[in-house]
Amino acid sequence: MRQIAIITDFGSSHYAGILKGVISSVSPEIKTVDITHHISPQNITEAAFVLKESVLYFGRDTVFLVIVDPGVGSSRRGIVVKSEGRYFVGPDNGIFEYIYSDGAYELYEIARKDFFTSSISNTFHGRDIFAPLAAYIAADKDIRDIVVSAENPVRLDIPRPEFLNNKIVGEILYIDSFGNIITNIPYESVRNLNCSVKFRSRRLGRIRNTYSDVPNGIPVAVVGSSGMIEIAVNSGSAEKWFNIKRDRTGRMKILVNIRGQH
């Protein structure tokens, strides 16, 4: 019996509870783990990042049910991905980009959709297709008549930092519940460099080790748990301090100046 780890953008609505009800109806013995239901609505890049950050902390007996699905009801495929013993169930919209880029994988398309219920909603495939299929996999049921081998998954264009002569220009990947701004700049890329960080006209100085390396209420650049450069406010929220709207995060540039150049 496998466990199911769930990521959605359902927020505090009843939809997440319904997923668990469907899973339990397949097998009440399946353990479910809520990674988060607070992905920003329809934000596929954010969901892909959260999945990437979570995968290695779960065993190979895990099925990841990931539902951030702005194309629900359209011609987009439903898929199952298998990688390193783990299964990933969700829409074919790029949400599993980091799984594809990290190594070998097997891809399957959900070919039969009425395996659990004959009534399929055009707006809630999470309930009618993805959750029961994840439960079937977790319960070791035979799914060979439900999925077929597939190729060419939709790939997501994850923003990459731009490395220039004396600077690195990055973008925001994710803002966590504390308001910490996680960038796409790996700390490893600047570990041995003398550099300073600038964001929205604010010079943050050198990259610090902890939030408390600056006074309360002051913005700071630190190395986050993701290994990326993170912009935070000690005992506060960088999201609020910089007045950021989450639907515009990817357009916001982070500048790392190298060797003290400004």
C-alpha atoms as a PDB file:
ATOM      1  CA  MET A   1       0.000   0.000   0.000  1.00  0.00           C
ATOM      2  CA  ARG A   2       1.389   3.379  -1.038  1.00  0.00           C
ATOM      3  CA  GLN A   3       0.664   6.797   0.468  1.00  0.00           C
ATOM      4  CA  ILE A   4      -0.692   9.758  -1.516  1.00  0.00           C
ATOM      5  CA  ALA A   5       0.821  13.230  -1.192  1.00  0.00           C
ATOM      6  CA  ILE A   6      -1.434  16.013  -2.459  1.00  0.00           C
ATOM      7  CA  ILE A   7      -0.746  19.447  -3.956  1.00  0.00           C
ATOM      8  CA  THR A   8      -3.602  21.651  -5.197  1.00  0.00           C
ATOM      9  CA  ASP A   9      -4.736  25.242  -5.551  1.00  0.00           C
ATOM     10  CA  PHE A  10      -8.047  24.492  -3.810  1.00  0.00           C
ATOM     11  CA  GLY A  11      -7.306  26.694  -0.808  1.00  0.00           C
ATOM     12  CA  SER A  12      -9.679  26.335   2.122  1.00  0.00           C
ATOM     13  CA  SER A  13     -12.582  25.133  -0.031  1.00  0.00           C
ATOM     14  CA  HIS A  14     -14.295  21.774   0.380  1.00  0.00           C
ATOM     15  CA  TYR A  15     -12.718  20.381  -2.788  1.00  0.00           C
ATOM     16  CA  ALA A  16      -9.608  19.044  -1.027  1.00  0.00           C
ATOM     17  CA  GLY A  17     -11.786  17.139   1.423  1.00  0.00           C
ATOM     18  CA  ILE A  18     -13.711  15.617  -1.463  1.00  0.00           C
ATOM     19  CA  LEU A  19     -10.474  14.290  -2.945  1.00  0.00           C
ATOM     20  CA  LYS A  20      -9.753  12.499   0.313  1.00  0.00           C
ATOM     21  CA  GLY A  21     -13.271  11.108   0.392  1.00  0.00           C
ATOM     22  CA  VAL A  22     -12.801   9.644  -3.078  1.00  0.00           C
ATOM     23  CA  ILE A  23      -9.449   8.154  -2.090  1.00  0.00           C
ATOM     24  CA  SER A  24     -10.948   6.625   1.054  1.00  0.00           C
ATOM     25  CA  SER A  25     -13.809   5.127  -0.924  1.00  0.00           C
ATOM     26  CA  VAL A  26     -11.277   3.229  -3.034  1.00  0.00           C
ATOM     27  CA  SER A  27      -9.394   2.057   0.053  1.00  0.00           C
ATOM     28  CA  PRO A  28      -9.740   3.469   3.574  1.00  0.00           C
ATOM     29  CA  GLU A  29      -6.258   2.152   4.358  1.00  0.00           C
ATOM     30  CA  ILE A  30      -4.511   4.645   2.064  1.00  0.00           C
ATOM     31  CA  LYS A  31      -2.640   7.319   3.984  1.00  0.00           C
ATOM     32  CA  THR A  32      -2.887  10.852   2.561  1.00  0.00           C
ATOM     33  CA  VAL A  33      -0.491  13.730   3.217  1.00  0.00           C
ATOM     34  CA  ASP A  34      -1.405  17.343   2.436  1.00  0.00           C
ATOM     35  CA  ILE A  35       1.696  19.071   1.092  1.00  0.00           C
ATOM     36  CA  THR A  36      -0.353  22.192   0.369  1.00  0.00           C
ATOM     37  CA  HIS A  37      -3.695  23.305  -1.001  1.00  0.00           C
ATOM     38  CA  HIS A  38      -2.603  26.925  -1.186  1.00  0.00           C
ATOM     39  CA  ILE A  39      -0.859  27.146  -4.534  1.00  0.00           C
ATOM     40  CA  SER A  40      -1.841  30.464  -6.111  1.00  0.00           C
ATOM     41  CA  PRO A  41      -4.868  29.776  -8.365  1.00  0.00           C
ATOM     42  CA  GLN A  42      -3.866  28.333 -11.749  1.00  0.00           C
ATOM     43  CA  ASN A  43      -0.146  28.896 -11.052  1.00  0.00           C
ATOM     44  CA  ILE A  44       1.485  25.898 -12.702  1.00  0.00           C
ATOM     45  CA  THR A  45       5.054  27.164 -12.218  1.00  0.00           C
ATOM     46  CA  GLU A  46       4.494  27.575  -8.490  1.00  0.00           C
ATOM     47  CA  ALA A  47       3.031  24.071  -8.193  1.00  0.00           C
ATOM     48  CA  ALA A  48       5.947  22.590 -10.140  1.00  0.00           C
ATOM     49  CA  PHE A  49       8.404  24.272  -7.763  1.00  0.00           C
ATOM     50  CA  VAL A  50       6.591  23.081  -4.641  1.00  0.00           C
ATOM     51  CA  LEU A  51       6.539  19.540  -6.003  1.00  0.00           C
ATOM     52  CA  LYS A  52      10.260  19.736  -6.747  1.00  0.00           C
ATOM     53  CA  GLU A  53      10.986  20.883  -3.202  1.00  0.00           C
ATOM     54  CA  SER A  54       8.854  18.115  -1.690  1.00  0.00           C
ATOM     55  CA  VAL A  55       9.658  14.969  -3.656  1.00  0.00           C
ATOM     56  CA  LEU A  56      12.929  13.957  -2.022  1.00  0.00           C
ATOM     57  CA  TYR A  57      11.395  14.062   1.457  1.00  0.00           C
ATOM     58  CA  PHE A  58       8.910  11.319   0.606  1.00  0.00           C
ATOM     59  CA  GLY A  59       9.657   7.658   0.156  1.00  0.00           C
ATOM     60  CA  ARG A  60       9.541   5.810  -3.122  1.00  0.00           C
ATOM     61  CA  ASP A  61       6.219   4.321  -2.023  1.00  0.00           C
ATOM     62  CA  THR A  62       4.502   7.680  -2.634  1.00  0.00           C
ATOM     63  CA  VAL A  63       1.932   8.679  -5.247  1.00  0.00           C
ATOM     64  CA  PHE A  64       1.907  12.443  -5.825  1.00  0.00           C
ATOM     65  CA  LEU A  65      -1.515  13.807  -6.735  1.00  0.00           C
ATOM     66  CA  VAL A  66      -0.971  17.280  -8.190  1.00  0.00           C
ATOM     67  CA  ILE A  67      -3.990  19.261  -9.323  1.00  0.00           C
ATOM     68  CA  VAL A  68      -3.457  22.774 -10.601  1.00  0.00           C
ATOM     69  CA  ASP A  69      -5.467  22.530 -13.763  1.00  0.00           C
ATOM     70  CA  PRO A  70      -6.541  25.715 -15.587  1.00  0.00           C
ATOM     71  CA  GLY A  71      -7.214  23.595 -18.697  1.00  0.00           C
ATOM     72  CA  VAL A  72      -9.671  21.225 -16.991  1.00  0.00           C
ATOM     73  CA  GLY A  73     -12.344  20.021 -19.403  1.00  0.00           C
ATOM     74  CA  SER A  74     -10.297  20.950 -22.478  1.00  0.00           C
ATOM     75  CA  SER A  75      -8.371  18.642 -24.783  1.00  0.00           C
ATOM     76  CA  ARG A  76      -5.347  18.575 -22.445  1.00  0.00           C
ATOM     77  CA  ARG A  77      -4.349  15.059 -21.441  1.00  0.00           C
ATOM     78  CA  GLY A  78      -4.489  13.526 -18.023  1.00  0.00           C
ATOM     79  CA  ILE A  79      -1.242  11.681 -17.313  1.00  0.00           C
ATOM     80  CA  VAL A  80       0.646   9.380 -14.966  1.00  0.00           C
ATOM     81  CA  VAL A  81       4.408   9.743 -14.656  1.00  0.00           C
ATOM     82  CA  LYS A  82       6.627   7.144 -13.024  1.00  0.00           C
ATOM     83  CA  SER A  83      10.120   8.131 -11.922  1.00  0.00           C
ATOM     84  CA  GLU A  84      12.474   6.380  -9.505  1.00  0.00           C
ATOM     85  CA  GLY A  85       9.646   4.268  -8.103  1.00  0.00           C
ATOM     86  CA  ARG A  86       7.365   7.222  -7.404  1.00  0.00           C
ATOM     87  CA  TYR A  87       4.144   7.968  -9.290  1.00  0.00           C
ATOM     88  CA  PHE A  88       2.786  11.377 -10.281  1.00  0.00           C
ATOM     89  CA  VAL A  89      -0.830  11.876 -11.319  1.00  0.00           C
ATOM     90  CA  GLY A  90      -2.266  15.061 -12.778  1.00  0.00           C
ATOM     91  CA  PRO A  91      -2.858  17.143 -15.905  1.00  0.00           C
ATOM     92  CA  ASP A  92      -0.403  17.311 -18.791  1.00  0.00           C
ATOM     93  CA  ASN A  93       0.300  21.028 -18.499  1.00  0.00           C
ATOM     94  CA  GLY A  94       3.968  21.128 -17.487  1.00  0.00           C
ATOM     95  CA  ILE A  95       3.326  20.664 -13.797  1.00  0.00           C
ATOM     96  CA  PHE A  96       5.829  17.778 -13.664  1.00  0.00           C
ATOM     97  CA  GLU A  97       8.618  19.712 -15.424  1.00  0.00           C
ATOM     98  CA  TYR A  98      11.205  19.162 -12.707  1.00  0.00           C
ATOM     99  CA  ILE A  99      10.484  15.424 -12.718  1.00  0.00           C
ATOM    100  CA  TYR A 100      11.191  15.292 -16.449  1.00  0.00           C
ATOM    101  CA  SER A 101      14.372  17.340 -16.184  1.00  0.00           C
ATOM    102  CA  ASP A 102      15.795  15.420 -13.215  1.00  0.00           C
ATOM    103  CA  GLY A 103      16.149  12.029 -14.871  1.00  0.00           C
ATOM    104  CA  ALA A 104      14.536   9.052 -16.562  1.00  0.00           C
ATOM    105  CA  TYR A 105      10.763   8.669 -16.409  1.00  0.00           C
ATOM    106  CA  GLU A 106       7.890   6.696 -17.889  1.00  0.00           C
ATOM    107  CA  LEU A 107       4.860   8.578 -19.235  1.00  0.00           C
ATOM    108  CA  TYR A 108       1.311   7.275 -19.508  1.00  0.00           C
ATOM    109  CA  GLU A 109      -1.839   8.933 -20.785  1.00  0.00           C
ATOM    110  CA  ILE A 110      -5.157   8.361 -19.048  1.00  0.00           C
ATOM    111  CA  ALA A 111      -7.099   6.777 -21.909  1.00  0.00           C
ATOM    112  CA  ARG A 112     -10.163   5.565 -20.047  1.00  0.00           C
ATOM    113  CA  LYS A 113     -11.879   8.193 -17.930  1.00  0.00           C
ATOM    114  CA  ASP A 114     -15.035   6.364 -16.791  1.00  0.00           C
ATOM    115  CA  PHE A 115     -13.242   3.733 -14.732  1.00  0.00           C
ATOM    116  CA  PHE A 116     -14.506   5.123 -11.415  1.00  0.00           C
ATOM    117  CA  THR A 117     -17.749   6.881 -12.284  1.00  0.00           C
ATOM    118  CA  SER A 118     -19.719   7.220 -15.501  1.00  0.00           C
ATOM    119  CA  SER A 119     -20.478  10.873 -14.731  1.00  0.00           C
ATOM    120  CA  ILE A 120     -17.393  12.985 -15.429  1.00  0.00           C
ATOM    121  CA  SER A 121     -17.566  16.674 -14.573  1.00  0.00           C
ATOM    122  CA  ASN A 122     -15.922  19.067 -17.019  1.00  0.00           C
ATOM    123  CA  THR A 123     -14.714  21.189 -14.104  1.00  0.00           C
ATOM    124  CA  PHE A 124     -13.573  18.673 -11.476  1.00  0.00           C
ATOM    125  CA  HIS A 125     -11.323  16.011 -12.975  1.00  0.00           C
ATOM    126  CA  GLY A 126      -9.501  15.943  -9.663  1.00  0.00           C
ATOM    127  CA  ARG A 127     -12.513  14.265  -8.102  1.00  0.00           C
ATOM    128  CA  ASP A 128     -13.656  12.114 -11.013  1.00  0.00           C
ATOM    129  CA  ILE A 129     -10.363  11.020 -12.622  1.00  0.00           C
ATOM    130  CA  PHE A 130      -7.121  11.977 -10.867  1.00  0.00           C
ATOM    131  CA  ALA A 131      -7.970  11.164  -7.235  1.00  0.00           C
ATOM    132  CA  PRO A 132      -9.469   7.729  -7.913  1.00  0.00           C
ATOM    133  CA  LEU A 133      -6.597   6.838 -10.257  1.00  0.00           C
ATOM    134  CA  ALA A 134      -4.036   7.893  -7.639  1.00  0.00           C
ATOM    135  CA  ALA A 135      -5.908   5.697  -5.155  1.00  0.00           C
ATOM    136  CA  TYR A 136      -5.929   2.762  -7.584  1.00  0.00           C
ATOM    137  CA  ILE A 137      -2.165   3.059  -7.939  1.00  0.00           C
ATOM    138  CA  ALA A 138      -1.676   3.402  -4.179  1.00  0.00           C
ATOM    139  CA  ALA A 139      -3.810   0.309  -3.592  1.00  0.00           C
ATOM    140  CA  ASP A 140      -1.860  -1.673  -6.226  1.00  0.00           C
ATOM    141  CA  LYS A 141      -4.906  -2.132  -8.453  1.00  0.00           C
ATOM    142  CA  ASP A 142      -4.384  -3.089 -12.097  1.00  0.00           C
ATOM    143  CA  ILE A 143      -4.590   0.088 -14.213  1.00  0.00           C
ATOM    144  CA  ARG A 144      -3.484  -1.379 -17.532  1.00  0.00           C
ATOM    145  CA  ASP A 145      -6.925  -0.817 -19.069  1.00  0.00           C
ATOM    146  CA  ILE A 146      -6.963   2.807 -17.856  1.00  0.00           C
ATOM    147  CA  VAL A 147      -3.638   4.179 -19.104  1.00  0.00           C
ATOM    148  CA  VAL A 148      -1.575   3.769 -22.261  1.00  0.00           C
ATOM    149  CA  SER A 149       2.078   4.521 -22.901  1.00  0.00           C
ATOM    150  CA  ALA A 150       2.639   8.078 -24.127  1.00  0.00           C
ATOM    151  CA  GLU A 151       5.338  10.461 -25.309  1.00  0.00           C
ATOM    152  CA  ASN A 152       6.091  14.167 -25.539  1.00  0.00           C
ATOM    153  CA  PRO A 153       4.681  15.634 -22.337  1.00  0.00           C
ATOM    154  CA  VAL A 154       3.987  19.347 -22.212  1.00  0.00           C
ATOM    155  CA  ARG A 155       7.116  21.066 -20.938  1.00  0.00           C
ATOM    156  CA  LEU A 156       7.124  24.139 -18.749  1.00  0.00           C
ATOM    157  CA  ASP A 157       9.418  27.054 -19.494  1.00  0.00           C
ATOM    158  CA  ILE A 158      10.898  27.554 -16.030  1.00  0.00           C
ATOM    159  CA  PRO A 159      12.573  30.974 -15.831  1.00  0.00           C
ATOM    160  CA  ARG A 160      16.344  30.638 -15.595  1.00  0.00           C
ATOM    161  CA  PRO A 161      18.716  33.279 -14.227  1.00  0.00           C
ATOM    162  CA  GLU A 162      20.655  35.301 -16.775  1.00  0.00           C
ATOM    163  CA  PHE A 163      24.409  35.417 -16.197  1.00  0.00           C
ATOM    164  CA  LEU A 164      26.024  38.598 -17.495  1.00  0.00           C
ATOM    165  CA  ASN A 165      29.517  40.078 -17.050  1.00  0.00           C
ATOM    166  CA  ASN A 166      29.226  41.569 -13.597  1.00  0.00           C
ATOM    167  CA  LYS A 167      25.750  40.550 -12.559  1.00  0.00           C
ATOM    168  CA  ILE A 168      23.129  37.859 -12.450  1.00  0.00           C
ATOM    169  CA  VAL A 169      19.528  38.736 -13.245  1.00  0.00           C
ATOM    170  CA  GLY A 170      16.938  36.439 -11.710  1.00  0.00           C
ATOM    171  CA  GLU A 171      13.191  36.210 -11.199  1.00  0.00           C
ATOM    172  CA  ILE A 172      10.769  35.155  -8.491  1.00  0.00           C
ATOM    173  CA  LEU A 173       9.784  31.482  -8.481  1.00  0.00           C
ATOM    174  CA  TYR A 174       7.629  31.356  -5.384  1.00  0.00           C
ATOM    175  CA  ILE A 175       6.431  33.320  -2.363  1.00  0.00           C
ATOM    176  CA  ASP A 176       5.849  31.203   0.721  1.00  0.00           C
ATOM    177  CA  SER A 177       3.246  31.703   3.456  1.00  0.00           C
ATOM    178  CA  PHE A 178       5.659  33.865   5.455  1.00  0.00           C
ATOM    179  CA  GLY A 179       6.017  36.280   2.560  1.00  0.00           C
ATOM    180  CA  ASN A 180       9.572  35.133   1.796  1.00  0.00           C
ATOM    181  CA  ILE A 181      10.482  35.638  -1.864  1.00  0.00           C
ATOM    182  CA  ILE A 182      12.257  32.617  -3.355  1.00  0.00           C
ATOM    183  CA  THR A 183      14.276  33.433  -6.464  1.00  0.00           C
ATOM    184  CA  ASN A 184      15.505  31.244  -9.285  1.00  0.00           C
ATOM    185  CA  ILE A 185      19.158  32.030  -8.496  1.00  0.00           C
ATOM    186  CA  PRO A 186      20.974  29.048  -6.955  1.00  0.00           C
ATOM    187  CA  TYR A 187      23.284  30.005  -4.132  1.00  0.00           C
ATOM    188  CA  GLU A 188      25.869  27.606  -5.588  1.00  0.00           C
ATOM    189  CA  SER A 189      26.217  29.971  -8.551  1.00  0.00           C
ATOM    190  CA  VAL A 190      27.482  32.788  -6.294  1.00  0.00           C
ATOM    191  CA  ARG A 191      28.911  30.897  -3.306  1.00  0.00           C
ATOM    192  CA  ASN A 192      32.516  31.854  -4.038  1.00  0.00           C
ATOM    193  CA  LEU A 193      31.819  35.354  -5.336  1.00  0.00           C
ATOM    194  CA  ASN A 194      31.919  38.717  -3.626  1.00  0.00           C
ATOM    195  CA  CYS A 195      28.442  39.970  -4.443  1.00  0.00           C
ATOM    196  CA  SER A 196      25.482  42.032  -3.298  1.00  0.00           C
ATOM    197  CA  VAL A 197      21.755  41.809  -3.998  1.00  0.00           C
ATOM    198  CA  LYS A 198      19.386  44.474  -5.266  1.00  0.00           C
ATOM    199  CA  PHE A 199      15.608  44.163  -5.573  1.00  0.00           C
ATOM    200  CA  ARG A 200      13.144  46.866  -6.634  1.00  0.00           C
ATOM    201  CA  SER A 201      15.666  49.669  -6.101  1.00  0.00           C
ATOM    202  CA  ARG A 202      16.518  48.383  -2.622  1.00  0.00           C
ATOM    203  CA  ARG A 203      20.145  47.404  -2.053  1.00  0.00           C
ATOM    204  CA  LEU A 204      20.157  44.452   0.327  1.00  0.00           C
ATOM    205  CA  GLY A 205      23.912  44.079   0.567  1.00  0.00           C
ATOM    206  CA  ARG A 206      25.673  40.753   0.815  1.00  0.00           C
ATOM    207  CA  ILE A 207      23.885  37.428   1.165  1.00  0.00           C
ATOM    208  CA  ARG A 208      23.420  36.602   4.848  1.00  0.00           C
ATOM    209  CA  ASN A 209      23.215  33.301   6.677  1.00  0.00           C
ATOM    210  CA  THR A 210      20.040  33.946   8.684  1.00  0.00           C
ATOM    211  CA  TYR A 211      17.089  36.336   8.839  1.00  0.00           C
ATOM    212  CA  SER A 212      18.313  37.643  12.193  1.00  0.00           C
ATOM    213  CA  ASP A 213      21.566  38.922  10.692  1.00  0.00           C
ATOM    214  CA  VAL A 214      19.687  42.201  10.171  1.00  0.00           C
ATOM    215  CA  PRO A 215      17.424  44.121  12.589  1.00  0.00           C
ATOM    216  CA  ASN A 216      13.694  43.368  12.816  1.00  0.00           C
ATOM    217  CA  GLY A 217      11.688  44.801   9.944  1.00  0.00           C
ATOM    218  CA  ILE A 218      14.673  45.094   7.600  1.00  0.00           C
ATOM    219  CA  PRO A 219      14.859  43.297   4.212  1.00  0.00           C
ATOM    220  CA  VAL A 220      17.629  40.753   3.795  1.00  0.00           C
ATOM    221  CA  ALA A 221      18.953  38.322   1.173  1.00  0.00           C
ATOM    222  CA  VAL A 222      19.595  34.843   2.583  1.00  0.00           C
ATOM    223  CA  VAL A 223      20.191  31.292   1.417  1.00  0.00           C
ATOM    224  CA  GLY A 224      16.805  29.580   1.671  1.00  0.00           C
ATOM    225  CA  SER A 225      16.126  25.954   2.482  1.00  0.00           C
ATOM    226  CA  SER A 226      15.649  25.365  -1.258  1.00  0.00           C
ATOM    227  CA  GLY A 227      19.265  26.325  -1.894  1.00  0.00           C
ATOM    228  CA  MET A 228      18.071  29.406  -3.778  1.00  0.00           C
ATOM    229  CA  ILE A 229      18.704  33.021  -2.896  1.00  0.00           C
ATOM    230  CA  GLU A 230      15.723  34.230  -0.905  1.00  0.00           C
ATOM    231  CA  ILE A 231      14.584  37.751  -0.107  1.00  0.00           C
ATOM    232  CA  ALA A 232      12.966  38.137   3.284  1.00  0.00           C
ATOM    233  CA  VAL A 233      12.219  40.628   6.030  1.00  0.00           C
ATOM    234  CA  ASN A 234      13.381  39.755   9.532  1.00  0.00           C
ATOM    235  CA  SER A 235      10.218  39.115  11.601  1.00  0.00           C
ATOM    236  CA  GLY A 236       8.130  40.398   8.711  1.00  0.00           C
ATOM    237  CA  SER A 237       6.944  39.738   5.166  1.00  0.00           C
ATOM    238  CA  ALA A 238       8.970  40.675   2.096  1.00  0.00           C
ATOM    239  CA  GLU A 239       5.823  40.217   0.038  1.00  0.00           C
ATOM    240  CA  LYS A 240       4.141  43.022   1.986  1.00  0.00           C
ATOM    241  CA  TRP A 241       7.274  45.137   2.432  1.00  0.00           C
ATOM    242  CA  PHE A 242       7.827  45.277  -1.343  1.00  0.00           C
ATOM    243  CA  ASN A 243       4.077  45.382  -2.106  1.00  0.00           C
ATOM    244  CA  ILE A 244       4.179  42.440  -4.508  1.00  0.00           C
ATOM    245  CA  LYS A 245       1.149  41.043  -6.299  1.00  0.00           C
ATOM    246  CA  ARG A 246       1.581  37.305  -6.681  1.00  0.00           C
ATOM    247  CA  ASP A 247       0.127  37.145 -10.187  1.00  0.00           C
ATOM    248  CA  ARG A 248       3.018  39.332 -11.353  1.00  0.00           C
ATOM    249  CA  THR A 249       5.891  37.673  -9.511  1.00  0.00           C
ATOM    250  CA  GLY A 250       7.664  36.191 -12.534  1.00  0.00           C
ATOM    251  CA  ARG A 251       8.116  39.642 -14.046  1.00  0.00           C
ATOM    252  CA  MET A 252       9.996  41.013 -11.056  1.00  0.00           C
ATOM    253  CA  LYS A 253      13.762  41.041 -11.500  1.00  0.00           C
ATOM    254  CA  ILE A 254      16.367  40.326  -8.840  1.00  0.00           C
ATOM    255  CA  LEU A 255      19.864  41.655  -9.456  1.00  0.00           C
ATOM    256  CA  VAL A 256      23.027  40.127  -7.991  1.00  0.00           C
ATOM    257  CA  ASN A 257      26.024  42.393  -8.502  1.00  0.00           C
ATOM    258  CA  ILE A 258      29.364  40.596  -8.570  1.00  0.00           C
ATOM    259  CA  ARG A 259      32.690  41.866  -7.128  1.00  0.00           C
ATOM    260  CA  GLY A 260      30.973  44.902  -5.681  1.00  0.00           C
ATOM    261  CA  GLN A 261      29.995  46.273  -9.082  1.00  0.00           C
ATOM    262  CA  HIS A 262      26.795  48.409  -9.090  1.00  0.00           C
END
